Amino acid sequence: MTTRWAHCLSEIDIKKEMAICSICGPTDIYFRPDGDLVCLTWRRQEENERYLRAQTKIVIDEMGGRCELCGFDDWRALQIDHKIGTNGNRKSKHIIYEAILSGNVGAYQLLCANCNTIKCSEHNERIGFYKVVQYKR
């Protein structure tokens, strides 16, 4: 995630509402209510992240708000898990959230990060792009 401080503006032209962003290049500028100027691309990213965070909380609440295996309830470490593996066919969060909010919760379960990692290890699944390896002691 990029922060607004990484999007440093230079060559600011207030009349044209344009500037050169260190990340995006030539860009429109956004005037924040506090008087700060930021890159419009960064502003859109910030809005999308805020929206996705709010949607995540709604979906987690819809699914009961706690890990189905251990009962952990801090939303920041809860993950939506496919009950049956995806075989590499991953869906975007938006598609999964839409399915859950429309009542199709059956294919998913809410697990904390620890329980999800353990489940993936036991079932030889992947988390993200990484395969969880089971170590024998």
Protein backbone atom coordinates (compact mmCIF):
# COMPACT_ATOMS: atom_id res chain seq x y z
CA MET A 1 0.00 0.00 0.00
CA THR A 2 1.41 3.38 -0.92
CA THR A 3 0.98 6.28 1.44
CA ARG A 4 0.29 9.84 0.53
CA TRP A 5 3.84 10.74 1.58
CA ALA A 6 5.20 8.56 -1.22
CA HIS A 7 3.15 10.61 -3.70
CA CYS A 8 5.22 13.81 -3.42
CA LEU A 9 3.95 16.65 -5.60
CA SER A 10 6.18 19.08 -7.45
CA GLU A 11 5.66 21.72 -10.15
CA ILE A 12 2.24 22.49 -8.69
CA ASP A 13 0.00 24.68 -10.85
CA ILE A 14 -2.95 25.73 -8.68
CA LYS A 15 -4.83 27.44 -11.55
CA LYS A 16 -4.78 24.31 -13.74
CA GLU A 17 -5.08 22.00 -10.70
CA MET A 18 -2.17 19.96 -12.04
CA ALA A 19 1.15 18.78 -10.60
CA ILE A 20 3.89 16.22 -11.12
CA CYS A 21 3.55 13.28 -8.74
CA SER A 22 6.68 11.32 -7.79
CA ILE A 23 4.78 8.06 -8.39
CA CYS A 24 2.13 8.86 -11.04
CA GLY A 25 3.82 11.56 -13.11
CA PRO A 26 1.58 14.39 -14.40
CA THR A 27 -1.63 14.28 -12.41
CA ASP A 28 -4.64 16.23 -11.24
CA ILE A 29 -4.48 17.42 -7.67
CA TYR A 30 -7.07 17.09 -4.95
CA PHE A 31 -7.61 19.80 -2.36
CA ARG A 32 -8.21 18.10 0.99
CA PRO A 33 -10.56 19.80 3.48
CA ASP A 34 -7.55 20.46 5.76
CA GLY A 35 -5.96 22.51 2.95
CA ASP A 36 -3.42 19.85 2.00
CA LEU A 37 -2.83 19.02 -1.69
CA VAL A 38 -2.61 15.39 -2.73
CA CYS A 39 -2.34 13.39 -5.94
CA LEU A 40 -5.83 12.53 -7.24
CA THR A 41 -4.71 8.94 -7.98
CA TRP A 42 -3.63 8.52 -4.36
CA ARG A 43 -6.95 10.00 -3.23
CA ARG A 44 -8.86 7.39 -5.26
CA GLN A 45 -6.70 4.60 -3.83
CA GLU A 46 -7.40 5.89 -0.32
CA GLU A 47 -11.16 5.93 -0.98
CA ASN A 48 -11.08 2.38 -2.43
CA GLU A 49 -9.13 1.08 0.58
CA ARG A 50 -11.55 2.77 3.00
CA TYR A 51 -14.53 1.29 1.11
CA LEU A 52 -13.01 -2.21 1.04
CA ARG A 53 -12.22 -2.02 4.78
CA ALA A 54 -15.84 -1.04 5.52
CA GLN A 55 -17.16 -3.86 3.28
CA THR A 56 -14.84 -6.33 5.01
CA LYS A 57 -16.30 -5.41 8.41
CA ILE A 58 -19.85 -5.82 7.07
CA VAL A 59 -19.07 -9.25 5.58
CA ILE A 60 -17.33 -10.41 8.76
CA ASP A 61 -20.35 -9.33 10.82
CA GLU A 62 -22.66 -11.14 8.38
CA MET A 63 -20.62 -14.33 8.88
CA GLY A 64 -20.84 -14.18 12.68
CA GLY A 65 -17.79 -12.09 13.51
CA ARG A 66 -15.63 -14.86 14.96
CA CYS A 67 -13.42 -17.75 13.86
CA GLU A 68 -15.52 -20.88 13.35
CA LEU A 69 -12.79 -23.08 14.85
CA CYS A 70 -11.44 -21.20 17.88
CA GLY A 71 -13.82 -18.26 18.41
CA PHE A 72 -11.23 -15.50 17.90
CA ASP A 73 -13.10 -12.25 17.15
CA ASP A 74 -10.66 -9.45 16.15
CA TRP A 75 -11.79 -8.55 12.61
CA ARG A 76 -8.24 -7.51 11.61
CA ALA A 77 -7.04 -11.13 11.73
CA LEU A 78 -10.16 -12.86 10.41
CA GLN A 79 -10.07 -14.32 6.91
CA ILE A 80 -12.72 -15.66 4.58
CA ASP A 81 -11.78 -19.20 3.68
CA HIS A 82 -13.14 -21.44 0.93
CA LYS A 83 -14.47 -24.55 2.66
CA ILE A 84 -13.36 -26.56 -0.34
CA GLY A 85 -10.08 -25.50 -1.96
CA THR A 86 -10.13 -23.35 -5.10
CA ASN A 87 -7.59 -25.38 -7.11
CA GLY A 88 -5.88 -22.11 -7.99
CA ASN A 89 -9.06 -20.48 -9.35
CA ARG A 90 -9.11 -17.46 -7.07
CA LYS A 91 -11.95 -14.96 -6.99
CA SER A 92 -11.64 -11.27 -6.16
CA LYS A 93 -12.77 -10.00 -2.77
CA HIS A 94 -15.56 -8.08 -4.44
CA ILE A 95 -17.04 -11.24 -6.00
CA ILE A 96 -16.73 -13.19 -2.74
CA TYR A 97 -18.25 -10.34 -0.69
CA GLU A 98 -21.14 -10.01 -3.14
CA ALA A 99 -21.87 -13.74 -2.90
CA ILE A 100 -21.80 -13.69 0.91
CA LEU A 101 -23.97 -10.58 1.22
CA SER A 102 -26.53 -12.08 -1.18
CA GLY A 103 -26.87 -15.10 1.11
CA ASN A 104 -24.48 -17.58 -0.53
CA VAL A 105 -22.35 -18.17 2.58
CA GLY A 106 -22.29 -21.96 2.22
CA ALA A 107 -19.03 -22.16 0.28
CA TYR A 108 -17.13 -19.96 2.75
CA GLN A 109 -16.19 -19.94 6.41
CA LEU A 110 -14.64 -17.33 8.68
CA LEU A 111 -11.29 -18.36 10.17
CA CYS A 112 -8.61 -16.48 12.07
CA ALA A 113 -5.20 -16.29 10.40
CA ASN A 114 -3.79 -19.04 12.65
CA CYS A 115 -6.61 -21.51 12.05
CA ASN A 116 -6.59 -20.77 8.31
CA THR A 117 -2.83 -21.44 8.10
CA ILE A 118 -3.20 -24.68 10.07
CA LYS A 119 -6.14 -25.79 7.88
CA CYS A 120 -4.17 -25.05 4.72
CA SER A 121 -1.17 -26.96 6.04
CA GLU A 122 -3.26 -29.99 6.95
CA HIS A 123 -5.03 -30.01 3.58
CA ASN A 124 -1.96 -29.14 1.48
CA GLU A 125 -3.58 -25.90 0.24
CA ARG A 126 -2.15 -22.53 -0.70
CA ILE A 127 -2.55 -19.19 1.05
CA GLY A 128 -2.24 -16.44 -1.54
CA PHE A 129 0.54 -17.47 -3.89
CA TYR A 130 2.41 -19.56 -1.31
CA LYS A 131 2.00 -23.23 -0.59
CA VAL A 132 1.91 -23.99 3.13
CA VAL A 133 4.49 -26.67 3.84
CA GLN A 134 3.88 -29.17 6.60
CA TYR A 135 6.96 -29.77 8.74
CA LYS A 136 7.42 -33.08 10.53
CA ARG A 137 9.11 -33.06 13.93
